[in-house]
C-alpha cells in the first residue's frame, strides 16, 4: 500500500519561499512519476509540477521560473521548492504518485 505524507506548508509573506516535502512509503517510488497539485477554494485541483523517475520535469505556466520540483530516490521523497510566492499561490498542495495515489495535502497561505 502506498502512503504519501506531505509537510512544509505554512503561512508566508508575498515574495517569500517555502519547500514542500512528500515522503512516500511502499516500493513504487523509484518507478513512479511524482507530481505536486494544488487546489484553491472554489477552484479545481490543478497540476503544479511533475517529475519522472529519471528526473524529467514538467511545470504549469504559473510555476515556471519560480518553483522547482526534485526527488531523492534514496529517501523516497519528492520536493517542491517555491520561491517568489504570490497570494494566488494560496492553496492546499497535494502530492501524487502515478496519478492514482494522493497525500492528505498541506496548506500554503501567502499573505501579508
C-alpha atoms as a PDB file:
ATOM      1  CA  UNK A   1       0.000   0.000   0.000  1.00  0.00           C
ATOM      2  CA  UNK A   2       1.299   3.433  -0.943  1.00  0.00           C
ATOM      3  CA  UNK A   3       1.175   6.282   1.544  1.00  0.00           C
ATOM      4  CA  UNK A   4       2.187   9.837   0.764  1.00  0.00           C
ATOM      5  CA  UNK A   5       2.784  12.315   3.569  1.00  0.00           C
ATOM      6  CA  UNK A   6       3.279  15.984   2.769  1.00  0.00           C
ATOM      7  CA  UNK A   7       4.950  18.541   5.005  1.00  0.00           C
ATOM      8  CA  UNK A   8       6.387  22.034   4.823  1.00  0.00           C
ATOM      9  CA  UNK A   9       3.302  24.139   4.257  1.00  0.00           C
ATOM     10  CA  UNK A  10       2.514  27.248   6.246  1.00  0.00           C
ATOM     11  CA  UNK A  11       1.999  30.988   6.180  1.00  0.00           C
ATOM     12  CA  UNK A  12       4.474  33.099   4.233  1.00  0.00           C
ATOM     13  CA  UNK A  13       4.566  36.687   3.065  1.00  0.00           C
ATOM     14  CA  UNK A  14       4.421  37.568  -0.636  1.00  0.00           C
ATOM     15  CA  UNK A  15       7.857  37.176  -2.159  1.00  0.00           C
ATOM     16  CA  UNK A  16       8.837  34.536   0.362  1.00  0.00           C
ATOM     17  CA  UNK A  17       9.784  30.902  -0.084  1.00  0.00           C
ATOM     18  CA  UNK A  18       8.672  27.511   1.135  1.00  0.00           C
ATOM     19  CA  UNK A  19       9.848  23.978   0.485  1.00  0.00           C
ATOM     20  CA  UNK A  20       7.298  21.209   0.486  1.00  0.00           C
ATOM     21  CA  UNK A  21       8.279  17.601   1.041  1.00  0.00           C
ATOM     22  CA  UNK A  22       6.408  14.407   0.274  1.00  0.00           C
ATOM     23  CA  UNK A  23       7.606  11.179   1.826  1.00  0.00           C
ATOM     24  CA  UNK A  24       6.386   8.018   0.140  1.00  0.00           C
ATOM     25  CA  UNK A  25       6.082   4.579   1.630  1.00  0.00           C
ATOM     26  CA  UNK A  26       5.821   1.446  -0.425  1.00  0.00           C
ATOM     27  CA  UNK A  27       8.005   0.083  -3.171  1.00  0.00           C
ATOM     28  CA  UNK A  28       6.797   2.050  -6.179  1.00  0.00           C
ATOM     29  CA  UNK A  29       8.578   5.352  -5.664  1.00  0.00           C
ATOM     30  CA  UNK A  30      11.605   4.695  -7.852  1.00  0.00           C
ATOM     31  CA  UNK A  31       9.447   3.811 -10.849  1.00  0.00           C
ATOM     32  CA  UNK A  32       6.748   6.437 -10.357  1.00  0.00           C
ATOM     33  CA  UNK A  33       6.035   9.760 -11.915  1.00  0.00           C
ATOM     34  CA  UNK A  34       5.521  12.028  -8.915  1.00  0.00           C
ATOM     35  CA  UNK A  35       3.531  15.231  -9.007  1.00  0.00           C
ATOM     36  CA  UNK A  36       2.502  18.224  -6.976  1.00  0.00           C
ATOM     37  CA  UNK A  37      -1.011  19.544  -7.430  1.00  0.00           C
ATOM     38  CA  UNK A  38      -2.893  22.321  -5.711  1.00  0.00           C
ATOM     39  CA  UNK A  39      -6.476  23.277  -5.055  1.00  0.00           C
ATOM     40  CA  UNK A  40      -7.579  26.756  -4.094  1.00  0.00           C
ATOM     41  CA  UNK A  41     -11.007  27.408  -2.545  1.00  0.00           C
ATOM     42  CA  UNK A  42     -13.722  27.219  -5.159  1.00  0.00           C
ATOM     43  CA  UNK A  43     -11.343  26.002  -7.842  1.00  0.00           C
ATOM     44  CA  UNK A  44     -10.484  22.664  -9.367  1.00  0.00           C
ATOM     45  CA  UNK A  45      -7.331  20.794  -8.458  1.00  0.00           C
ATOM     46  CA  UNK A  46      -4.551  21.634 -10.895  1.00  0.00           C
ATOM     47  CA  UNK A  47      -1.110  20.329 -11.726  1.00  0.00           C
ATOM     48  CA  UNK A  48       1.788  22.408 -10.433  1.00  0.00           C
ATOM     49  CA  UNK A  49       4.740  20.235 -11.422  1.00  0.00           C
ATOM     50  CA  UNK A  50       5.687  16.626 -12.010  1.00  0.00           C
ATOM     51  CA  UNK A  51       8.886  14.658 -12.261  1.00  0.00           C
ATOM     52  CA  UNK A  52       9.625  11.366 -13.975  1.00  0.00           C
ATOM     53  CA  UNK A  53      11.687   8.557 -12.419  1.00  0.00           C
ATOM     54  CA  UNK A  54      14.813   9.746 -14.255  1.00  0.00           C
ATOM     55  CA  UNK A  55      14.303  13.414 -13.358  1.00  0.00           C
ATOM     56  CA  UNK A  56      12.457  14.869 -16.304  1.00  0.00           C
ATOM     57  CA  UNK A  57      10.239  17.748 -15.203  1.00  0.00           C
ATOM     58  CA  UNK A  58       7.060  19.498 -16.315  1.00  0.00           C
ATOM     59  CA  UNK A  59       5.675  22.717 -14.865  1.00  0.00           C
ATOM     60  CA  UNK A  60       2.449  24.618 -15.066  1.00  0.00           C
ATOM     61  CA  UNK A  61       2.910  28.033 -16.638  1.00  0.00           C
ATOM     62  CA  UNK A  62       2.161  29.621 -13.260  1.00  0.00           C
ATOM     63  CA  UNK A  63       5.069  27.737 -11.688  1.00  0.00           C
ATOM     64  CA  UNK A  64       7.744  28.160 -14.347  1.00  0.00           C
ATOM     65  CA  UNK A  65      10.722  30.157 -13.170  1.00  0.00           C
ATOM     66  CA  UNK A  66       9.567  30.203  -9.543  1.00  0.00           C
ATOM     67  CA  UNK A  67       9.056  26.584  -8.471  1.00  0.00           C
ATOM     68  CA  UNK A  68      11.425  23.634  -8.699  1.00  0.00           C
ATOM     69  CA  UNK A  69      10.434  20.006  -8.290  1.00  0.00           C
ATOM     70  CA  UNK A  70      13.066  17.450  -7.346  1.00  0.00           C
ATOM     71  CA  UNK A  71      13.289  13.946  -5.991  1.00  0.00           C
ATOM     72  CA  UNK A  72      15.589  11.882  -3.824  1.00  0.00           C
ATOM     73  CA  UNK A  73      15.024   8.243  -4.682  1.00  0.00           C
ATOM     74  CA  UNK A  74      17.222   7.106  -1.803  1.00  0.00           C
ATOM     75  CA  UNK A  75      14.853   8.833   0.625  1.00  0.00           C
ATOM     76  CA  UNK A  76      11.629   8.103  -1.285  1.00  0.00           C
ATOM     77  CA  UNK A  77      10.933  11.822  -1.150  1.00  0.00           C
ATOM     78  CA  UNK A  78       9.855  14.440  -3.645  1.00  0.00           C
ATOM     79  CA  UNK A  79      10.245  18.157  -3.017  1.00  0.00           C
ATOM     80  CA  UNK A  80       8.726  21.358  -4.287  1.00  0.00           C
ATOM     81  CA  UNK A  81      10.830  24.466  -3.764  1.00  0.00           C
ATOM     82  CA  UNK A  82       8.621  27.518  -4.127  1.00  0.00           C
ATOM     83  CA  UNK A  83      10.167  30.972  -4.463  1.00  0.00           C
ATOM     84  CA  UNK A  84       8.721  34.410  -5.127  1.00  0.00           C
ATOM     85  CA  UNK A  85       5.400  33.292  -3.739  1.00  0.00           C
ATOM     86  CA  UNK A  86       2.274  35.251  -4.616  1.00  0.00           C
ATOM     87  CA  UNK A  87      -1.130  35.474  -2.983  1.00  0.00           C
ATOM     88  CA  UNK A  88      -2.563  33.462  -5.855  1.00  0.00           C
ATOM     89  CA  UNK A  89      -0.349  30.536  -4.845  1.00  0.00           C
ATOM     90  CA  UNK A  90      -2.508  30.110  -1.744  1.00  0.00           C
ATOM     91  CA  UNK A  91      -3.978  26.607  -1.862  1.00  0.00           C
ATOM     92  CA  UNK A  92      -3.829  23.144  -0.429  1.00  0.00           C
ATOM     93  CA  UNK A  93      -0.915  21.367  -2.078  1.00  0.00           C
ATOM     94  CA  UNK A  94      -1.163  17.643  -2.728  1.00  0.00           C
ATOM     95  CA  UNK A  95       1.465  15.078  -3.573  1.00  0.00           C
ATOM     96  CA  UNK A  96       0.577  12.449  -6.163  1.00  0.00           C
ATOM     97  CA  UNK A  97       2.093   9.195  -7.373  1.00  0.00           C
ATOM     98  CA  UNK A  98       1.177   7.647 -10.709  1.00  0.00           C
ATOM     99  CA  UNK A  99      -1.988   9.773 -10.949  1.00  0.00           C
ATOM    100  CA  UNK A 100      -3.539   7.300  -8.519  1.00  0.00           C
ATOM    101  CA  UNK A 101      -2.199   7.825  -5.024  1.00  0.00           C
ATOM    102  CA  UNK A 102      -2.723  11.090  -3.127  1.00  0.00           C
ATOM    103  CA  UNK A 103      -1.434  12.568   0.075  1.00  0.00           C
ATOM    104  CA  UNK A 104      -3.610  14.366   2.587  1.00  0.00           C
ATOM    105  CA  UNK A 105      -2.472  17.813   1.482  1.00  0.00           C
ATOM    106  CA  UNK A 106      -0.631  20.676   3.133  1.00  0.00           C
ATOM    107  CA  UNK A 107      -1.925  24.227   3.327  1.00  0.00           C
ATOM    108  CA  UNK A 108       0.120  27.033   1.818  1.00  0.00           C
ATOM    109  CA  UNK A 109      -1.056  30.552   2.592  1.00  0.00           C
ATOM    110  CA  UNK A 110       0.645  33.566   1.059  1.00  0.00           C
ATOM    111  CA  UNK A 111      -0.429  36.717   2.814  1.00  0.00           C
ATOM    112  CA  UNK A 112       0.974  39.842   4.394  1.00  0.00           C
END
